Amino acid sequence: MQVNEEDRLVSQEKSSGTNGIAIAAIILVLIASGGAYFYFSKDSTPEPALPTEQLVLPEPSPAEPLPVTEPVVEPEPEPVVETPSQPTVVPEPEIDPLPTLNDSDTYIQEKTVKLADGMDISRLLVTQDMARQFVVFVDNLAQGELARKVSPLKGPTQTFTVTDITDKTYLNPDSYHRYDVYADFLSSLNEEQLATTYDKLLPLLDEAFAELGYQDLSFNERVEEAIDEMLAAPVIEDPIELSTISVNYQFVDPELEALPAAQKLMIRMGPDNSRKVKAVLKKLKQQLAE
């Protein structure tokens, strides 16, 4: 097996009591005036009448007619026209506009980092022509190949190591940890959020996939094929013996060595990381089929 360092994977109230207070104040003044009248006249002893001459009163002047008061006609209240209530308009959710394919790198990077939910994934992203690179990588993956030059993620930086035991070379299990961050990232993804992000990016991915020239194949179908390819990789629990070819390694077991490069990558991840990735791929495949 060839092991390469480049592996990638208030309401206001109106006071209507003002007039009532004024009326009450007037009533209190009248009561106080009447009370004062009776208080001062009560028990008063009349003075003895003095003899006076007979007074001749002048004839009264003819009474003037009382002015005729015209009745006050109250204006009829204007009819209250009820304004029909307007239906409540619920604002539609804002649609996140898609950029063009050529200008989509920043948009895709932001969506991917948000999908990571705080995990430091930005340092692993290849941020140039992300949609096209992802599509080509998936297309190759579906065919069992690893297109390292167009991987959407940077490869692990830790050094690949082997262990020599009794003149035999084995894959060092410590090398499995080179892929921990990738497996942890995938296994930590929220399924619903993953599906939503995928749906948003799908028009861009479809456009990039159309550039590859397939006539009767959609990108979703290609993704399912790539998933099936990865799920077919065996999970190896036993030590894996390697042989040296020039400066590279290959599996001694011919069946393992005959596996496609994509499945060999799953083996190099180690059994634990492989199971994590497979669990995510199974869920994603189920969502694509719904």
Protein backbone atom coordinates (compact mmCIF):
# COMPACT_ATOMS: atom_id res chain seq x y z
CA MET A 1 0.00 0.00 0.00
CA GLN A 2 1.25 3.39 -0.84
CA VAL A 3 1.21 5.71 2.11
CA ASN A 4 1.68 9.34 1.18
CA GLU A 5 1.96 12.42 3.35
CA GLU A 6 -0.46 14.14 0.99
CA ASP A 7 -3.42 11.90 1.90
CA ARG A 8 -6.47 14.20 2.34
CA LEU A 9 -9.26 13.53 3.15
CA VAL A 10 -47.34 51.70 27.82
CA SER A 11 -50.49 52.33 27.38
CA GLN A 12 -51.56 55.98 28.27
CA GLU A 13 -54.96 56.34 30.11
CA LYS A 14 -57.16 59.45 29.50
CA SER A 15 -58.74 60.95 32.64
CA SER A 16 -62.52 61.30 32.15
CA GLY A 17 -63.10 62.33 35.83
CA THR A 18 -62.18 66.03 35.46
CA ASN A 19 -65.76 67.17 34.86
CA GLY A 20 -66.97 64.99 37.71
CA ILE A 21 -64.54 66.63 40.11
CA ALA A 22 -65.68 70.09 39.01
CA ILE A 23 -69.37 69.17 39.54
CA ALA A 24 -68.61 67.74 42.97
CA ALA A 25 -66.78 70.93 43.94
CA ILE A 26 -69.78 73.05 42.90
CA ILE A 27 -72.16 70.85 44.99
CA LEU A 28 -69.89 71.19 48.03
CA VAL A 29 -69.90 75.01 47.67
CA LEU A 30 -73.72 75.09 47.52
CA ILE A 31 -74.05 72.87 50.62
CA ALA A 32 -71.58 75.05 52.53
CA SER A 33 -73.46 78.20 51.51
CA GLY A 34 -76.82 76.75 52.63
CA GLY A 35 -75.37 75.53 55.90
CA ALA A 36 -73.95 78.94 56.60
CA TYR A 37 -77.34 80.50 55.93
CA PHE A 38 -79.16 78.34 58.47
CA TYR A 39 -76.38 78.63 61.00
CA PHE A 40 -76.48 82.40 61.10
CA SER A 41 -80.34 82.72 61.10
CA LYS A 42 -81.13 79.96 63.51
CA ASP A 43 -82.41 81.03 66.97
CA SER A 44 -82.30 84.73 66.01
CA THR A 45 -84.64 86.92 68.19
CA PRO A 46 -86.56 89.41 66.07
CA GLU A 47 -86.21 93.00 67.07
CA PRO A 48 -89.51 94.70 68.28
CA ALA A 49 -91.31 96.41 65.43
CA LEU A 50 -91.08 100.16 65.38
CA PRO A 51 -94.15 102.28 64.44
CA THR A 52 -93.75 103.53 60.92
CA GLU A 53 -95.80 105.59 58.53
CA GLN A 54 -97.79 103.90 55.78
CA LEU A 55 -95.63 103.62 52.79
CA VAL A 56 -97.00 104.13 49.31
CA LEU A 57 -95.42 101.75 46.93
CA PRO A 58 -95.04 102.83 43.33
CA GLU A 59 -97.08 101.04 40.70
CA PRO A 60 -95.18 98.26 39.23
CA SER A 61 -93.99 98.72 35.67
CA PRO A 62 -95.52 96.45 33.12
CA ALA A 63 -93.77 93.17 33.07
CA GLU A 64 -91.57 92.61 30.09
CA PRO A 65 -92.15 89.37 28.27
CA LEU A 66 -89.65 86.66 29.05
CA PRO A 67 -87.23 85.97 26.29
CA VAL A 68 -88.09 82.92 24.28
CA THR A 69 -85.33 80.42 24.46
CA GLU A 70 -85.01 78.29 21.40
CA PRO A 71 -84.46 74.66 22.12
CA VAL A 72 -80.92 73.50 21.62
CA VAL A 73 -80.78 70.82 19.03
CA GLU A 74 -77.98 68.42 19.71
CA PRO A 75 -76.22 67.31 16.53
CA GLU A 76 -76.71 63.70 15.70
CA PRO A 77 -73.58 61.69 16.28
CA GLU A 78 -71.82 60.70 13.13
CA PRO A 79 -72.06 57.02 12.41
CA VAL A 80 -68.99 55.11 13.44
CA VAL A 81 -67.49 53.43 10.45
CA GLU A 82 -65.54 50.43 11.53
CA THR A 83 -62.34 49.96 9.62
CA PRO A 84 -61.92 46.33 8.67
CA SER A 85 -58.98 44.83 10.47
CA GLN A 86 -56.03 44.13 8.27
CA PRO A 87 -54.79 40.54 8.22
CA THR A 88 -51.57 39.98 10.09
CA VAL A 89 -48.76 39.71 7.61
CA VAL A 90 -46.09 37.26 8.66
CA PRO A 91 -42.78 38.28 7.10
CA GLU A 92 -41.24 35.59 4.99
CA PRO A 93 -37.86 34.33 6.14
CA GLU A 94 -34.98 35.97 4.38
CA ILE A 95 -33.44 33.78 1.71
CA ASP A 96 -29.70 33.62 1.82
CA PRO A 97 -28.74 34.55 -1.75
CA LEU A 98 -26.30 32.23 -3.48
CA PRO A 99 -23.18 33.71 -5.02
CA THR A 100 -21.99 32.71 -8.44
CA LEU A 101 -19.88 29.59 -8.71
CA ASN A 102 -16.74 31.61 -9.40
CA ASP A 103 -17.32 33.77 -6.30
CA SER A 104 -18.55 31.06 -3.94
CA ASP A 105 -15.40 30.26 -1.94
CA THR A 106 -16.09 32.65 0.94
CA TYR A 107 -19.75 31.58 1.11
CA ILE A 108 -18.90 27.86 1.21
CA GLN A 109 -16.13 28.41 3.74
CA GLU A 110 -18.50 30.32 6.06
CA LYS A 111 -21.15 27.59 5.80
CA THR A 112 -18.60 24.87 6.51
CA VAL A 113 -17.11 26.65 9.53
CA LYS A 114 -20.62 27.28 10.89
CA LEU A 115 -21.42 23.62 10.39
CA ALA A 116 -18.39 22.73 12.53
CA ASP A 117 -20.13 24.41 15.50
CA GLY A 118 -17.02 25.82 17.15
CA MET A 119 -14.60 23.13 16.08
CA ASP A 120 -11.44 24.59 14.51
CA ILE A 121 -11.93 23.24 11.00
CA SER A 122 -10.92 26.36 9.04
CA ARG A 123 -7.24 25.42 9.13
CA LEU A 124 -8.03 22.16 7.31
CA LEU A 125 -10.02 23.72 4.48
CA VAL A 126 -8.62 24.27 1.01
CA THR A 127 -10.22 27.64 0.31
CA GLN A 128 -9.66 27.97 -3.44
CA ASP A 129 -12.29 26.81 -5.91
CA MET A 130 -13.95 24.82 -3.13
CA ALA A 131 -17.09 23.73 -4.98
CA ARG A 132 -15.23 22.43 -8.03
CA GLN A 133 -12.56 20.70 -5.96
CA PHE A 134 -15.18 18.99 -3.78
CA VAL A 135 -17.13 17.80 -6.83
CA VAL A 136 -14.05 16.39 -8.58
CA PHE A 137 -12.89 14.73 -5.35
CA VAL A 138 -16.29 13.04 -4.88
CA ASP A 139 -16.35 11.99 -8.53
CA ASN A 140 -12.98 10.28 -8.14
CA LEU A 141 -13.97 8.81 -4.79
CA ALA A 142 -17.01 7.15 -6.38
CA GLN A 143 -14.57 5.42 -8.73
CA GLY A 144 -12.37 4.29 -5.86
CA GLU A 145 -9.65 6.84 -6.54
CA LEU A 146 -8.15 9.57 -4.36
CA ALA A 147 -7.61 12.83 -6.22
CA ARG A 148 -5.24 14.34 -3.70
CA LYS A 149 -4.58 17.48 -5.72
CA VAL A 150 -8.27 18.46 -5.57
CA SER A 151 -9.02 17.38 -2.01
CA PRO A 152 -11.33 19.85 -0.21
CA LEU A 153 -9.35 19.23 2.99
CA LYS A 154 -5.66 19.50 3.71
CA GLY A 155 -3.88 16.30 4.60
CA PRO A 156 -2.69 15.40 8.10
CA THR A 157 0.51 17.03 9.25
CA GLN A 158 1.59 14.31 11.67
CA THR A 159 4.26 11.94 10.46
CA PHE A 160 3.27 8.45 9.31
CA THR A 161 5.12 5.80 11.34
CA VAL A 162 5.64 2.06 11.21
CA THR A 163 6.75 -0.51 13.76
CA ASP A 164 9.40 -3.18 13.10
CA ILE A 165 8.83 -6.46 14.99
CA THR A 166 10.97 -9.58 14.32
CA ASP A 167 12.05 -8.44 10.89
CA LYS A 168 8.52 -7.52 9.91
CA THR A 169 7.06 -4.05 9.39
CA TYR A 170 3.62 -3.13 10.68
CA LEU A 171 1.48 -0.07 10.47
CA ASN A 172 1.95 1.76 13.77
CA PRO A 173 -1.48 2.19 15.44
CA ASP A 174 -0.34 5.64 16.56
CA SER A 175 -0.60 6.70 12.93
CA TYR A 176 -4.36 6.23 13.13
CA HIS A 177 -4.55 9.37 15.25
CA ARG A 178 -3.47 11.44 12.24
CA TYR A 179 -7.09 11.19 11.13
CA ASP A 180 -8.77 11.80 14.49
CA VAL A 181 -9.66 15.42 13.71
CA TYR A 182 -11.37 14.47 10.44
CA ALA A 183 -13.38 11.63 11.97
CA ASP A 184 -14.30 13.75 15.00
CA PHE A 185 -15.43 16.59 12.75
CA LEU A 186 -17.69 14.31 10.72
CA SER A 187 -19.12 12.48 13.72
CA SER A 188 -19.87 15.73 15.56
CA LEU A 189 -22.00 17.17 12.75
CA ASN A 190 -25.63 17.89 13.47
CA GLU A 191 -27.65 15.78 11.03
CA GLU A 192 -30.38 18.36 10.44
CA GLN A 193 -27.89 21.19 10.05
CA LEU A 194 -25.80 19.05 7.72
CA ALA A 195 -28.80 18.35 5.48
CA THR A 196 -29.79 22.04 5.48
CA THR A 197 -26.28 23.18 4.56
CA TYR A 198 -26.03 20.55 1.85
CA ASP A 199 -29.35 21.68 0.33
CA LYS A 200 -28.15 25.30 0.28
CA LEU A 201 -24.88 24.40 -1.43
CA LEU A 202 -26.39 21.84 -3.83
CA PRO A 203 -27.11 24.33 -6.67
CA LEU A 204 -23.44 25.34 -6.68
CA LEU A 205 -22.31 21.73 -6.54
CA ASP A 206 -24.72 20.76 -9.33
CA GLU A 207 -23.33 23.55 -11.50
CA ALA A 208 -19.77 22.45 -10.83
CA PHE A 209 -20.68 18.81 -11.50
CA ALA A 210 -22.30 19.72 -14.82
CA GLU A 211 -18.92 21.04 -15.96
CA LEU A 212 -17.59 17.46 -15.82
CA GLY A 213 -19.80 16.56 -18.76
CA TYR A 214 -22.00 13.81 -17.33
CA GLN A 215 -25.27 13.57 -19.23
CA ASP A 216 -27.34 11.04 -17.29
CA LEU A 217 -25.87 11.35 -13.80
CA SER A 218 -26.69 13.83 -11.04
CA PHE A 219 -24.31 14.93 -8.35
CA ASN A 220 -26.55 13.38 -5.68
CA GLU A 221 -26.24 10.02 -7.43
CA ARG A 222 -22.47 10.44 -7.58
CA VAL A 223 -22.38 11.18 -3.86
CA GLU A 224 -24.32 8.00 -3.13
CA GLU A 225 -21.86 6.00 -5.21
CA ALA A 226 -18.95 7.54 -3.32
CA ILE A 227 -20.62 6.72 -0.01
CA ASP A 228 -21.15 3.10 -1.07
CA GLU A 229 -17.48 2.88 -2.03
CA MET A 230 -16.35 4.05 1.40
CA LEU A 231 -18.84 1.87 3.26
CA ALA A 232 -17.48 -1.18 1.46
CA ALA A 233 -14.07 -0.75 3.09
CA PRO A 234 -13.30 -3.46 5.67
CA VAL A 235 -12.60 -2.58 9.31
CA ILE A 236 -9.29 -4.18 10.29
CA GLU A 237 -8.72 -4.78 13.97
CA ASP A 238 -5.54 -6.91 13.68
CA PRO A 239 -2.04 -5.53 13.08
CA ILE A 240 -1.49 -4.69 9.43
CA GLU A 241 1.76 -5.87 7.92
CA LEU A 242 3.44 -3.67 5.33
CA SER A 243 6.16 -4.18 2.76
CA THR A 244 8.50 -1.60 1.36
CA ILE A 245 8.40 -0.56 -2.27
CA SER A 246 11.05 2.05 -2.93
CA VAL A 247 10.29 4.80 -0.42
CA ASN A 248 6.65 3.80 -0.01
CA TYR A 249 4.69 1.04 1.70
CA GLN A 250 2.02 -1.39 0.58
CA PHE A 251 -0.11 -4.03 2.27
CA VAL A 252 1.38 -7.46 2.41
CA ASP A 253 -2.10 -9.00 2.33
CA PRO A 254 -2.93 -9.16 -1.40
CA GLU A 255 -6.66 -8.70 -0.75
CA LEU A 256 -6.03 -5.47 1.09
CA GLU A 257 -3.55 -4.28 -1.47
CA ALA A 258 -6.10 -4.93 -4.24
CA LEU A 259 -8.65 -2.63 -2.63
CA PRO A 260 -9.38 0.74 -4.25
CA ALA A 261 -7.37 3.67 -2.92
CA ALA A 262 -10.48 5.17 -1.31
CA GLN A 263 -11.02 2.05 0.79
CA LYS A 264 -7.33 1.87 1.69
CA LEU A 265 -7.69 5.36 3.12
CA MET A 266 -10.44 4.08 5.40
CA ILE A 267 -8.12 1.33 6.61
CA ARG A 268 -5.29 3.80 7.28
CA MET A 269 -7.69 5.74 9.51
CA GLY A 270 -7.85 2.83 11.91
CA PRO A 271 -10.88 0.85 13.07
CA ASP A 272 -12.23 3.46 15.49
CA ASN A 273 -12.09 6.38 13.06
CA SER A 274 -13.39 4.16 10.26
CA ARG A 275 -16.46 3.26 12.27
CA LYS A 276 -17.11 6.92 13.08
CA VAL A 277 -16.93 7.92 9.43
CA LYS A 278 -19.10 5.02 8.32
CA ALA A 279 -21.79 5.92 10.83
CA VAL A 280 -21.97 9.43 9.39
CA LEU A 281 -21.98 8.18 5.81
CA LYS A 282 -24.86 5.80 6.51
CA LYS A 283 -26.97 8.63 7.93
CA LEU A 284 -26.14 10.90 5.01
CA LYS A 285 -27.02 8.19 2.52
CA GLN A 286 -30.37 7.67 4.24
CA GLN A 287 -31.11 11.40 4.05
CA LEU A 288 -30.23 11.50 0.35
CA ALA A 289 -32.60 8.62 -0.32
CA GLU A 290 -35.58 10.30 1.42
